[in-house]
């Protein structure tokens, strides 16, 4: 019986199909019947699947335990990645500080050498 989940008699169901048949062509009625049948099967199988799941609460518990384990592993992995990134950031900061120090030191030496050269050029030899 179509629409088994509804309290519809076979007579009423037959009337609906005859009414639809009189409104539509045979092909359209056939297509509609197939679609309604597919919907009935789809929802019926979904309800059966839910019933099966309701009968097996251990399955939900197993899924929950597995999900908890996966989340713990993910959290542990994320903590390790944070630690690695923190170490890397400190190393980069130290390398930047060393590079800045070296550039500053080189600029000072260059500047000091420039001043010395300028002084030598500006000195006029005593005759």
N, C-alpha and C. Protein backbone atom coordinates (compact mmCIF):
# COMPACT_ATOMS: atom_id res chain seq x y z
N UNK A 1 0.85 -1.17 0.00
CA UNK A 1 0.00 0.00 0.00
C UNK A 1 0.90 1.23 0.00
N UNK A 2 0.57 2.18 -0.83
CA UNK A 2 1.30 3.43 -0.89
C UNK A 2 0.95 4.26 0.34
N UNK A 3 1.87 5.05 0.86
CA UNK A 3 1.66 5.86 2.06
C UNK A 3 1.31 4.98 3.25
N UNK A 4 2.10 3.95 3.48
CA UNK A 4 1.80 3.01 4.55
C UNK A 4 1.87 3.68 5.92
N UNK A 5 2.59 4.76 6.02
CA UNK A 5 2.71 5.42 7.32
C UNK A 5 1.48 6.25 7.65
N UNK A 6 0.60 6.50 6.68
CA UNK A 6 -0.62 7.26 6.91
C UNK A 6 -1.82 6.32 6.97
N UNK A 7 -2.81 6.63 7.78
CA UNK A 7 -4.01 5.76 7.83
C UNK A 7 -4.93 6.03 6.65
N UNK A 8 -4.54 5.54 5.48
CA UNK A 8 -5.32 5.74 4.25
C UNK A 8 -5.79 4.37 3.78
N UNK A 9 -7.05 4.28 3.48
CA UNK A 9 -7.58 2.99 3.03
C UNK A 9 -7.20 2.77 1.57
N UNK A 10 -7.29 1.54 1.13
CA UNK A 10 -6.98 1.19 -0.25
C UNK A 10 -7.98 1.85 -1.20
N UNK A 11 -9.18 2.02 -0.76
CA UNK A 11 -10.21 2.66 -1.60
C UNK A 11 -9.83 4.12 -1.82
N UNK A 12 -9.43 4.80 -0.75
CA UNK A 12 -9.06 6.21 -0.85
C UNK A 12 -7.82 6.36 -1.72
N UNK A 13 -6.87 5.45 -1.56
CA UNK A 13 -5.65 5.51 -2.35
C UNK A 13 -5.98 5.30 -3.83
N UNK A 14 -6.84 4.35 -4.12
CA UNK A 14 -7.26 4.10 -5.49
C UNK A 14 -7.97 5.32 -6.08
N UNK A 15 -8.78 5.97 -5.27
CA UNK A 15 -9.47 7.17 -5.73
C UNK A 15 -8.47 8.27 -6.10
N UNK A 16 -7.46 8.43 -5.28
CA UNK A 16 -6.43 9.45 -5.55
C UNK A 16 -5.75 9.16 -6.87
N UNK A 17 -5.39 7.91 -7.09
CA UNK A 17 -4.71 7.56 -8.34
C UNK A 17 -5.63 7.72 -9.55
N UNK A 18 -6.90 7.36 -9.41
CA UNK A 18 -7.85 7.55 -10.52
C UNK A 18 -8.03 9.03 -10.82
N UNK A 19 -8.10 9.84 -9.75
CA UNK A 19 -8.25 11.28 -9.93
C UNK A 19 -7.03 11.86 -10.64
N UNK A 20 -5.86 11.46 -10.19
CA UNK A 20 -4.64 11.94 -10.83
C UNK A 20 -4.56 11.46 -12.28
N UNK A 21 -4.98 10.23 -12.50
CA UNK A 21 -4.97 9.68 -13.85
C UNK A 21 -5.89 10.44 -14.79
N UNK A 22 -7.01 10.91 -14.25
CA UNK A 22 -7.93 11.66 -15.11
C UNK A 22 -7.40 13.05 -15.40
N UNK A 23 -6.57 13.60 -14.56
CA UNK A 23 -6.02 14.94 -14.78
C UNK A 23 -4.77 14.92 -15.65
N UNK A 24 -4.02 13.89 -15.59
CA UNK A 24 -2.72 13.83 -16.25
C UNK A 24 -2.72 12.75 -17.32
N UNK A 25 -1.74 12.83 -18.17
CA UNK A 25 -1.58 11.77 -19.16
C UNK A 25 -1.05 10.52 -18.46
N UNK A 26 -1.10 9.43 -19.17
CA UNK A 26 -0.63 8.16 -18.61
C UNK A 26 0.85 8.24 -18.23
N UNK A 27 1.67 8.87 -19.06
CA UNK A 27 3.12 8.98 -18.78
C UNK A 27 3.37 9.82 -17.53
N UNK A 28 2.65 10.93 -17.41
CA UNK A 28 2.83 11.79 -16.24
C UNK A 28 2.40 11.05 -14.98
N UNK A 29 1.31 10.29 -15.06
CA UNK A 29 0.84 9.53 -13.91
C UNK A 29 1.87 8.46 -13.54
N UNK A 30 2.39 7.80 -14.55
CA UNK A 30 3.40 6.77 -14.30
C UNK A 30 4.64 7.38 -13.64
N UNK A 31 5.08 8.55 -14.15
CA UNK A 31 6.24 9.24 -13.59
C UNK A 31 5.96 9.66 -12.15
N UNK A 32 4.77 10.18 -11.91
CA UNK A 32 4.40 10.60 -10.56
C UNK A 32 4.37 9.42 -9.61
N UNK A 33 3.81 8.30 -10.07
CA UNK A 33 3.78 7.10 -9.23
C UNK A 33 5.18 6.63 -8.88
N UNK A 34 6.08 6.67 -9.87
CA UNK A 34 7.46 6.27 -9.60
C UNK A 34 8.11 7.19 -8.58
N UNK A 35 7.90 8.48 -8.73
CA UNK A 35 8.50 9.45 -7.80
C UNK A 35 7.96 9.28 -6.39
N UNK A 36 6.64 9.11 -6.28
CA UNK A 36 6.03 8.90 -4.97
C UNK A 36 6.55 7.59 -4.37
N UNK A 37 6.65 6.57 -5.19
CA UNK A 37 7.21 5.30 -4.71
C UNK A 37 8.64 5.44 -4.23
N UNK A 38 9.44 6.20 -5.00
CA UNK A 38 10.83 6.43 -4.59
C UNK A 38 10.90 7.19 -3.27
N UNK A 39 10.05 8.22 -3.12
CA UNK A 39 10.01 8.97 -1.86
C UNK A 39 9.62 8.08 -0.70
N UNK A 40 8.61 7.22 -0.95
CA UNK A 40 8.16 6.31 0.11
C UNK A 40 9.30 5.38 0.51
N UNK A 41 10.00 4.84 -0.49
CA UNK A 41 11.12 3.94 -0.18
C UNK A 41 12.24 4.67 0.56
N UNK A 42 12.54 5.90 0.10
CA UNK A 42 13.62 6.65 0.72
C UNK A 42 13.28 6.95 2.19
N UNK A 43 12.10 7.48 2.46
CA UNK A 43 11.73 7.79 3.83
C UNK A 43 11.53 6.54 4.66
N UNK A 44 11.00 5.50 4.04
CA UNK A 44 10.83 4.24 4.76
C UNK A 44 12.16 3.65 5.17
N UNK A 45 13.15 3.70 4.28
CA UNK A 45 14.46 3.16 4.63
C UNK A 45 15.14 4.03 5.68
N UNK A 46 14.89 5.34 5.62
CA UNK A 46 15.45 6.24 6.64
C UNK A 46 14.86 5.94 8.01
N UNK A 47 13.56 5.69 8.05
CA UNK A 47 12.90 5.36 9.31
C UNK A 47 13.40 4.03 9.83
N UNK A 48 13.57 3.06 8.93
CA UNK A 48 14.10 1.76 9.34
C UNK A 48 15.51 1.90 9.89
N UNK A 49 16.32 2.73 9.24
CA UNK A 49 17.69 2.94 9.72
C UNK A 49 17.69 3.57 11.11
N UNK A 50 16.79 4.53 11.33
CA UNK A 50 16.70 5.14 12.66
C UNK A 50 16.23 4.12 13.69
N UNK A 51 15.29 3.27 13.31
CA UNK A 51 14.83 2.23 14.22
C UNK A 51 15.97 1.28 14.57
N UNK A 52 16.76 0.92 13.55
CA UNK A 52 17.90 0.03 13.79
C UNK A 52 18.91 0.68 14.74
N UNK A 53 19.14 1.97 14.54
CA UNK A 53 20.09 2.67 15.41
C UNK A 53 19.56 2.78 16.84
N UNK A 54 18.26 2.98 16.96
CA UNK A 54 17.66 3.09 18.29
C UNK A 54 17.78 1.77 19.05
N UNK A 55 17.81 0.68 18.31
CA UNK A 55 17.92 -0.64 18.94
C UNK A 55 19.35 -0.96 19.35
N UNK A 56 20.31 -0.19 18.87
CA UNK A 56 21.70 -0.48 19.17
C UNK A 56 22.39 0.72 19.81
N UNK A 57 22.10 1.00 21.09
CA UNK A 57 22.74 2.16 21.74
C UNK A 57 24.25 1.98 21.91
N UNK A 58 24.70 0.72 21.89
CA UNK A 58 26.14 0.48 22.00
C UNK A 58 26.89 1.08 20.82
N UNK A 59 26.22 1.11 19.67
CA UNK A 59 26.84 1.70 18.49
C UNK A 59 27.13 3.17 18.72
N UNK A 60 26.17 3.89 19.30
CA UNK A 60 26.37 5.31 19.58
C UNK A 60 27.50 5.50 20.59
N UNK A 61 27.55 4.64 21.60
CA UNK A 61 28.59 4.75 22.61
C UNK A 61 29.96 4.52 21.97
N UNK A 62 30.04 3.53 21.09
CA UNK A 62 31.31 3.26 20.40
C UNK A 62 31.72 4.42 19.52
N UNK A 63 30.76 5.01 18.82
CA UNK A 63 31.06 6.16 17.97
C UNK A 63 31.53 7.32 18.83
N UNK A 64 30.87 7.54 19.97
CA UNK A 64 31.24 8.64 20.86
C UNK A 64 32.65 8.43 21.42
N UNK A 65 32.97 7.21 21.80
CA UNK A 65 34.31 6.92 22.32
C UNK A 65 35.38 7.13 21.25
N UNK A 66 35.08 6.69 20.03
CA UNK A 66 36.03 6.87 18.94
C UNK A 66 36.22 8.35 18.62
N UNK A 67 35.12 9.09 18.62
CA UNK A 67 35.20 10.53 18.37
C UNK A 67 36.00 11.22 19.46
N UNK A 68 35.80 10.81 20.70
CA UNK A 68 36.54 11.39 21.82
C UNK A 68 38.03 11.11 21.68
N UNK A 69 38.36 9.90 21.30
CA UNK A 69 39.76 9.53 21.09
C UNK A 69 40.39 10.35 19.96
N UNK A 70 39.66 10.49 18.87
CA UNK A 70 40.16 11.29 17.75
C UNK A 70 40.36 12.75 18.15
N UNK A 71 39.42 13.28 18.91
CA UNK A 71 39.54 14.68 19.37
C UNK A 71 40.74 14.85 20.31
N UNK A 72 40.97 13.88 21.19
CA UNK A 72 42.13 13.94 22.07
C UNK A 72 43.43 13.90 21.27
N UNK A 73 43.48 13.03 20.26
CA UNK A 73 44.67 12.96 19.41
C UNK A 73 44.88 14.28 18.67
N UNK A 74 43.80 14.84 18.17
CA UNK A 74 43.88 16.11 17.45
C UNK A 74 44.36 17.22 18.39
N UNK A 75 43.84 17.26 19.59
CA UNK A 75 44.24 18.28 20.55
C UNK A 75 45.72 18.13 20.90
N UNK A 76 46.17 16.91 21.10
CA UNK A 76 47.58 16.66 21.39
C UNK A 76 48.46 17.12 20.24
N UNK A 77 48.04 16.80 19.03
CA UNK A 77 48.79 17.21 17.84
C UNK A 77 48.84 18.73 17.74
N UNK A 78 47.72 19.39 18.01
CA UNK A 78 47.70 20.85 17.95
C UNK A 78 48.61 21.47 19.01
N UNK A 79 48.65 20.89 20.20
CA UNK A 79 49.56 21.39 21.24
C UNK A 79 51.02 21.27 20.79
N UNK A 80 51.35 20.14 20.16
CA UNK A 80 52.72 19.96 19.66
C UNK A 80 53.04 20.98 18.59
N UNK A 81 52.07 21.24 17.70
CA UNK A 81 52.30 22.22 16.64
C UNK A 81 52.47 23.62 17.21
N UNK A 82 51.70 23.95 18.24
CA UNK A 82 51.85 25.26 18.89
C UNK A 82 53.24 25.39 19.50
N UNK A 83 53.70 24.33 20.16
CA UNK A 83 55.04 24.35 20.76
C UNK A 83 56.10 24.52 19.68
N UNK A 84 55.96 23.80 18.57
CA UNK A 84 56.93 23.91 17.48
C UNK A 84 56.91 25.30 16.86
N UNK A 85 55.73 25.85 16.67
CA UNK A 85 55.63 27.20 16.10
C UNK A 85 56.19 28.25 17.04
N UNK A 86 55.99 28.07 18.33
CA UNK A 86 56.54 29.00 19.32
C UNK A 86 58.06 28.96 19.29
N UNK A 87 58.62 27.78 19.23
CA UNK A 87 60.08 27.63 19.14
C UNK A 87 60.60 28.28 17.87
N UNK A 88 59.94 28.02 16.76
CA UNK A 88 60.34 28.60 15.49
C UNK A 88 60.26 30.13 15.52
N UNK A 89 59.20 30.66 16.12
CA UNK A 89 59.05 32.12 16.21
C UNK A 89 60.18 32.73 17.04
N UNK A 90 60.55 32.07 18.14
CA UNK A 90 61.66 32.56 18.96
C UNK A 90 62.98 32.53 18.18
N UNK A 91 63.19 31.45 17.45
CA UNK A 91 64.41 31.35 16.63
C UNK A 91 64.45 32.46 15.58
N UNK A 92 63.32 32.71 14.95
CA UNK A 92 63.26 33.77 13.94
C UNK A 92 63.50 35.14 14.58
N UNK A 93 62.95 35.35 15.75
CA UNK A 93 63.13 36.62 16.45
C UNK A 93 64.60 36.82 16.82
N UNK A 94 65.25 35.77 17.31
CA UNK A 94 66.67 35.86 17.65
C UNK A 94 67.52 36.11 16.41
N UNK A 95 67.20 35.43 15.31
CA UNK A 95 67.95 35.62 14.06
C UNK A 95 67.76 37.05 13.55
N UNK A 96 66.56 37.58 13.66
CA UNK A 96 66.30 38.95 13.23
C UNK A 96 67.09 39.94 14.10
N UNK A 97 67.11 39.69 15.41
CA UNK A 97 67.86 40.57 16.32
C UNK A 97 69.35 40.55 15.98
N UNK A 98 69.88 39.35 15.72
CA UNK A 98 71.32 39.25 15.35
C UNK A 98 71.59 39.98 14.04
N UNK A 99 70.71 39.79 13.06
CA UNK A 99 70.89 40.43 11.77
C UNK A 99 70.81 41.95 11.91
N UNK A 100 69.88 42.43 12.71
CA UNK A 100 69.74 43.87 12.93
C UNK A 100 70.99 44.42 13.61
N UNK A 101 71.50 43.70 14.58
CA UNK A 101 72.73 44.12 15.27
C UNK A 101 73.90 44.20 14.29
N UNK A 102 74.04 43.18 13.45
CA UNK A 102 75.14 43.16 12.49
C UNK A 102 75.02 44.30 11.47
N UNK A 103 73.82 44.56 10.99
CA UNK A 103 73.62 45.65 10.03
C UNK A 103 73.94 46.99 10.69
N UNK A 104 73.45 47.16 11.93
CA UNK A 104 73.73 48.41 12.65
C UNK A 104 75.23 48.58 12.86
N UNK A 105 75.91 47.52 13.23
CA UNK A 105 77.36 47.55 13.46
C UNK A 105 78.08 47.90 12.16
N UNK A 106 77.67 47.29 11.07
CA UNK A 106 78.29 47.56 9.76
C UNK A 106 78.04 49.01 9.34
N UNK A 107 76.85 49.50 9.56
CA UNK A 107 76.54 50.89 9.20
C UNK A 107 77.38 51.86 10.02
N UNK A 108 77.56 51.57 11.30
CA UNK A 108 78.39 52.45 12.15
C UNK A 108 79.85 52.44 11.68
N UNK A 109 80.35 51.26 11.36
CA UNK A 109 81.74 51.17 10.88
C UNK A 109 81.89 51.92 9.56
N UNK A 110 80.93 51.76 8.68
CA UNK A 110 80.96 52.45 7.39
C UNK A 110 80.89 53.96 7.60
N UNK A 111 80.02 54.36 8.49
CA UNK A 111 79.87 55.78 8.78
C UNK A 111 81.15 56.34 9.40
N UNK A 112 81.75 55.60 10.34
CA UNK A 112 83.00 56.04 10.96
C UNK A 112 84.11 56.13 9.93
N UNK A 113 84.19 55.16 9.03
CA UNK A 113 85.22 55.18 7.98
C UNK A 113 84.99 56.35 7.03
N UNK A 114 83.74 56.64 6.75
CA UNK A 114 83.42 57.78 5.88
C UNK A 114 83.87 59.07 6.53
N UNK A 115 83.63 59.21 7.80
CA UNK A 115 84.04 60.42 8.51
C UNK A 115 85.55 60.56 8.51
N UNK A 116 86.24 59.44 8.73
CA UNK A 116 87.71 59.50 8.71
C UNK A 116 88.21 59.89 7.33
N UNK A 117 87.64 59.32 6.30
CA UNK A 117 88.08 59.65 4.93
C UNK A 117 87.80 61.11 4.63
N UNK A 118 86.65 61.60 5.08
CA UNK A 118 86.30 63.00 4.84
C UNK A 118 87.28 63.91 5.55
N UNK A 119 87.67 63.56 6.74
CA UNK A 119 88.63 64.38 7.49
C UNK A 119 89.99 64.38 6.80
N UNK A 120 90.37 63.24 6.25
CA UNK A 120 91.66 63.16 5.57
C UNK A 120 91.64 64.01 4.30
N UNK A 121 90.54 64.04 3.60
CA UNK A 121 90.42 64.81 2.37
C UNK A 121 90.44 66.31 2.71
N UNK A 122 89.78 66.63 3.79
CA UNK A 122 89.66 68.04 4.17
C UNK A 122 90.96 68.61 4.75
N UNK A 123 91.81 67.75 5.22
CA UNK A 123 93.07 68.25 5.81
C UNK A 123 93.97 68.75 4.68
N UNK A 124 94.39 69.91 4.89
CA UNK A 124 95.31 70.51 3.92
C UNK A 124 96.71 70.33 4.47
N UNK A 125 97.62 69.83 3.66
CA UNK A 125 98.96 69.59 4.18
C UNK A 125 99.66 70.94 4.44
N UNK A 126 100.39 70.99 5.52
CA UNK A 126 101.14 72.19 5.87
C UNK A 126 102.38 72.28 5.01
N UNK A 127 102.56 73.43 4.50
CA UNK A 127 103.75 73.61 3.67
C UNK A 127 104.76 74.44 4.34
